[in-house]
C-alpha atoms as a PDB file:
ATOM      1  CA  MET A   1       0.000   0.000   0.000  1.00  0.00           C
ATOM      2  CA  LYS A   2       1.337   3.427  -0.963  1.00  0.00           C
ATOM      3  CA  ARG A   3       0.979   6.479   1.234  1.00  0.00           C
ATOM      4  CA  MET A   4       0.141   9.896  -0.176  1.00  0.00           C
ATOM      5  CA  ASN A   5       3.852  10.874  -0.115  1.00  0.00           C
ATOM      6  CA  GLY A   6       4.603   7.993  -2.500  1.00  0.00           C
ATOM      7  CA  CYS A   7       6.368   5.525  -0.221  1.00  0.00           C
ATOM      8  CA  SER A   8       5.178   2.115   0.916  1.00  0.00           C
ATOM      9  CA  ASP A   9       4.673   1.409   4.601  1.00  0.00           C
ATOM     10  CA  GLU A  10       7.855  -0.657   4.711  1.00  0.00           C
ATOM     11  CA  SER A  11      10.092   1.966   3.119  1.00  0.00           C
ATOM     12  CA  CYS A  12       8.633   4.763   5.240  1.00  0.00           C
ATOM     13  CA  GLN A  13       9.366   2.772   8.381  1.00  0.00           C
ATOM     14  CA  LEU A  14      13.030   2.772   7.428  1.00  0.00           C
ATOM     15  CA  ASP A  15      13.123   6.587   7.466  1.00  0.00           C
ATOM     16  CA  ALA A  16      12.032   7.176  11.057  1.00  0.00           C
ATOM     17  CA  CYS A  17      11.692   5.438  14.392  1.00  0.00           C
ATOM     18  CA  GLU A  18       8.269   3.899  14.845  1.00  0.00           C
ATOM     19  CA  LYS A  19       8.260   5.015  18.462  1.00  0.00           C
ATOM     20  CA  PRO A  20      10.335   8.112  19.344  1.00  0.00           C
ATOM     21  CA  CYS A  21      13.178   7.351  21.743  1.00  0.00           C
ATOM     22  CA  VAL A  22      16.574   8.783  22.696  1.00  0.00           C
ATOM     23  CA  HIS A  23      19.637   6.670  23.520  1.00  0.00           C
ATOM     24  CA  HIS A  24      21.380   9.151  25.814  1.00  0.00           C
ATOM     25  CA  ASP A  25      24.733   7.339  25.870  1.00  0.00           C
ATOM     26  CA  LYS A  26      24.954   7.396  22.076  1.00  0.00           C
ATOM     27  CA  VAL A  27      23.804  11.005  21.885  1.00  0.00           C
ATOM     28  CA  GLU A  28      26.502  12.099  24.349  1.00  0.00           C
ATOM     29  CA  ARG A  29      29.193  10.146  22.479  1.00  0.00           C
ATOM     30  CA  VAL A  30      28.232  11.875  19.225  1.00  0.00           C
ATOM     31  CA  ARG A  31      28.013  15.316  20.856  1.00  0.00           C
ATOM     32  CA  SER A  32      31.500  14.920  22.313  1.00  0.00           C
ATOM     33  CA  VAL A  33      33.060  14.720  18.837  1.00  0.00           C
ATOM     34  CA  LEU A  34      30.472  16.457  16.640  1.00  0.00           C
ATOM     35  CA  LEU A  35      31.791  19.171  14.327  1.00  0.00           C
ATOM     36  CA  ASP A  36      31.108  22.715  15.444  1.00  0.00           C
ATOM     37  CA  GLU A  37      29.297  25.071  13.051  1.00  0.00           C
ATOM     38  CA  ASP A  38      32.508  26.643  11.677  1.00  0.00           C
ATOM     39  CA  ALA A  39      34.151  23.292  10.959  1.00  0.00           C
ATOM     40  CA  ALA A  40      30.958  21.969   9.357  1.00  0.00           C
ATOM     41  CA  ALA A  41      30.700  25.094   7.197  1.00  0.00           C
ATOM     42  CA  GLY A  42      34.317  24.720   6.072  1.00  0.00           C
ATOM     43  CA  LEU A  43      33.846  21.070   5.158  1.00  0.00           C
ATOM     44  CA  ALA A  44      30.591  21.819   3.352  1.00  0.00           C
ATOM     45  CA  GLU A  45      32.385  24.535   1.372  1.00  0.00           C
ATOM     46  CA  ILE A  46      35.034  22.040   0.253  1.00  0.00           C
ATOM     47  CA  PHE A  47      32.382  19.570  -0.882  1.00  0.00           C
ATOM     48  CA  ASN A  48      30.534  22.402  -2.607  1.00  0.00           C
ATOM     49  CA  LEU A  49      33.725  23.273  -4.505  1.00  0.00           C
ATOM     50  CA  LEU A  50      34.090  19.628  -5.483  1.00  0.00           C
ATOM     51  CA  GLY A  51      30.569  19.745  -6.921  1.00  0.00           C
ATOM     52  CA  ASP A  52      31.808  21.525 -10.052  1.00  0.00           C
ATOM     53  CA  ARG A  53      33.075  19.393 -12.952  1.00  0.00           C
ATOM     54  CA  THR A  54      35.681  21.898 -14.097  1.00  0.00           C
ATOM     55  CA  ARG A  55      37.189  22.236 -10.627  1.00  0.00           C
ATOM     56  CA  VAL A  56      37.278  18.449 -10.208  1.00  0.00           C
ATOM     57  CA  ARG A  57      38.994  18.112 -13.587  1.00  0.00           C
ATOM     58  CA  ILE A  58      41.536  20.783 -12.574  1.00  0.00           C
ATOM     59  CA  LEU A  59      42.276  18.977  -9.323  1.00  0.00           C
ATOM     60  CA  HIS A  60      42.592  15.674 -11.144  1.00  0.00           C
ATOM     61  CA  ALA A  61      45.011  17.220 -13.652  1.00  0.00           C
ATOM     62  CA  LEU A  62      47.079  18.561 -10.752  1.00  0.00           C
ATOM     63  CA  THR A  63      47.361  15.077  -9.234  1.00  0.00           C
ATOM     64  CA  LEU A  64      49.737  14.443 -12.149  1.00  0.00           C
ATOM     65  CA  GLY A  65      51.988  17.341 -11.135  1.00  0.00           C
ATOM     66  CA  GLU A  66      52.428  21.096 -11.217  1.00  0.00           C
ATOM     67  CA  LEU A  67      50.889  22.898 -14.207  1.00  0.00           C
ATOM     68  CA  CYS A  68      50.653  26.512 -15.320  1.00  0.00           C
ATOM     69  CA  VAL A  69      47.311  28.120 -16.087  1.00  0.00           C
ATOM     70  CA  CYS A  70      47.936  27.866 -19.845  1.00  0.00           C
ATOM     71  CA  ASP A  71      48.689  24.138 -19.592  1.00  0.00           C
ATOM     72  CA  ILE A  72      45.523  23.474 -17.573  1.00  0.00           C
ATOM     73  CA  SER A  73      43.511  25.541 -20.056  1.00  0.00           C
ATOM     74  CA  ALA A  74      44.878  23.602 -23.032  1.00  0.00           C
ATOM     75  CA  ALA A  75      44.442  20.215 -21.366  1.00  0.00           C
ATOM     76  CA  LEU A  76      40.827  20.869 -20.333  1.00  0.00           C
ATOM     77  CA  GLY A  77      39.805  22.884 -23.385  1.00  0.00           C
ATOM     78  CA  VAL A  78      38.600  25.760 -21.194  1.00  0.00           C
ATOM     79  CA  SER A  79      39.602  29.415 -21.534  1.00  0.00           C
ATOM     80  CA  PRO A  80      42.520  30.640 -19.394  1.00  0.00           C
ATOM     81  CA  SER A  81      40.279  33.244 -17.730  1.00  0.00           C
ATOM     82  CA  ALA A  82      37.759  30.565 -16.703  1.00  0.00           C
ATOM     83  CA  ILE A  83      40.587  28.370 -15.390  1.00  0.00           C
ATOM     84  CA  SER A  84      42.043  31.305 -13.434  1.00  0.00           C
ATOM     85  CA  HIS A  85      38.655  31.985 -11.862  1.00  0.00           C
ATOM     86  CA  GLN A  86      38.274  28.357 -10.770  1.00  0.00           C
ATOM     87  CA  LEU A  87      41.842  28.224  -9.483  1.00  0.00           C
ATOM     88  CA  ARG A  88      41.237  31.357  -7.410  1.00  0.00           C
ATOM     89  CA  LEU A  89      38.331  29.587  -5.684  1.00  0.00           C
ATOM     90  CA  LEU A  90      40.411  26.453  -5.121  1.00  0.00           C
ATOM     91  CA  ARG A  91      43.330  28.516  -3.785  1.00  0.00           C
ATOM     92  CA  THR A  92      41.063  30.400  -1.362  1.00  0.00           C
ATOM     93  CA  ALA A  93      39.851  27.047  -0.037  1.00  0.00           C
ATOM     94  CA  LYS A  94      43.499  25.929   0.302  1.00  0.00           C
ATOM     95  CA  LEU A  95      43.045  23.014  -2.072  1.00  0.00           C
ATOM     96  CA  VAL A  96      45.748  24.303  -4.450  1.00  0.00           C
ATOM     97  CA  ARG A  97      48.750  26.588  -4.126  1.00  0.00           C
ATOM     98  CA  ALA A  98      50.283  28.952  -6.633  1.00  0.00           C
ATOM     99  CA  ARG A  99      53.886  29.693  -7.528  1.00  0.00           C
ATOM    100  CA  LYS A 100      54.848  32.542  -9.819  1.00  0.00           C
ATOM    101  CA  GLU A 101      57.794  32.066 -12.163  1.00  0.00           C
ATOM    102  CA  GLY A 102      58.402  35.036 -14.416  1.00  0.00           C
ATOM    103  CA  LYS A 103      55.116  35.771 -16.154  1.00  0.00           C
ATOM    104  CA  ASN A 104      53.656  32.314 -15.530  1.00  0.00           C
ATOM    105  CA  VAL A 105      51.718  31.075 -12.521  1.00  0.00           C
ATOM    106  CA  PHE A 106      52.113  27.397 -11.700  1.00  0.00           C
ATOM    107  CA  TYR A 107      49.610  25.496  -9.586  1.00  0.00           C
ATOM    108  CA  SER A 108      49.899  22.327  -7.572  1.00  0.00           C
ATOM    109  CA  LEU A 109      47.756  20.528  -5.043  1.00  0.00           C
ATOM    110  CA  ASP A 110      48.145  22.103  -1.627  1.00  0.00           C
ATOM    111  CA  ASP A 111      49.095  18.830   0.051  1.00  0.00           C
ATOM    112  CA  GLY A 112      48.758  15.070  -0.027  1.00  0.00           C
ATOM    113  CA  HIS A 113      45.305  15.198   1.546  1.00  0.00           C
ATOM    114  CA  VAL A 114      43.840  16.739  -1.605  1.00  0.00           C
ATOM    115  CA  HIS A 115      45.504  14.055  -3.738  1.00  0.00           C
ATOM    116  CA  SER A 116      44.037  11.374  -1.450  1.00  0.00           C
ATOM    117  CA  LEU A 117      40.592  12.962  -1.612  1.00  0.00           C
ATOM    118  CA  ILE A 118      40.615  12.843  -5.426  1.00  0.00           C
ATOM    119  CA  ALA A 119      42.011   9.303  -5.501  1.00  0.00           C
ATOM    120  CA  GLN A 120      39.434   8.039  -3.009  1.00  0.00           C
ATOM    121  CA  GLY A 121      36.640   9.756  -4.908  1.00  0.00           C
ATOM    122  CA  LEU A 122      37.696   7.936  -8.075  1.00  0.00           C
ATOM    123  CA  GLU A 123      37.640   4.566  -6.321  1.00  0.00           C
END
């Protein structure tokens, strides 16, 4: 039998407790390590940045090594100005770092954690 919201009785029962209850020991354990609002906002921002295909492709390209803006642009087939804009967002979030050499700006992943994040996402 389907309910008005479109789910069967069985599937709806999986979404909520049949009888409200609180397991205080579990709640306290979670509260003791739960992210605060600032940390949660920072993590959500990182995942939001990873929600863009171009930024993910840039990060993946940088797992192969340092690249200048022109190289990233050519590899991805995206204009240098669009790449620069995306890199600025990634740099602000400390996912990539920049190094200027003459008139070129080279980018690399900020650290091994970003490389691991991309690798794990691909698995």
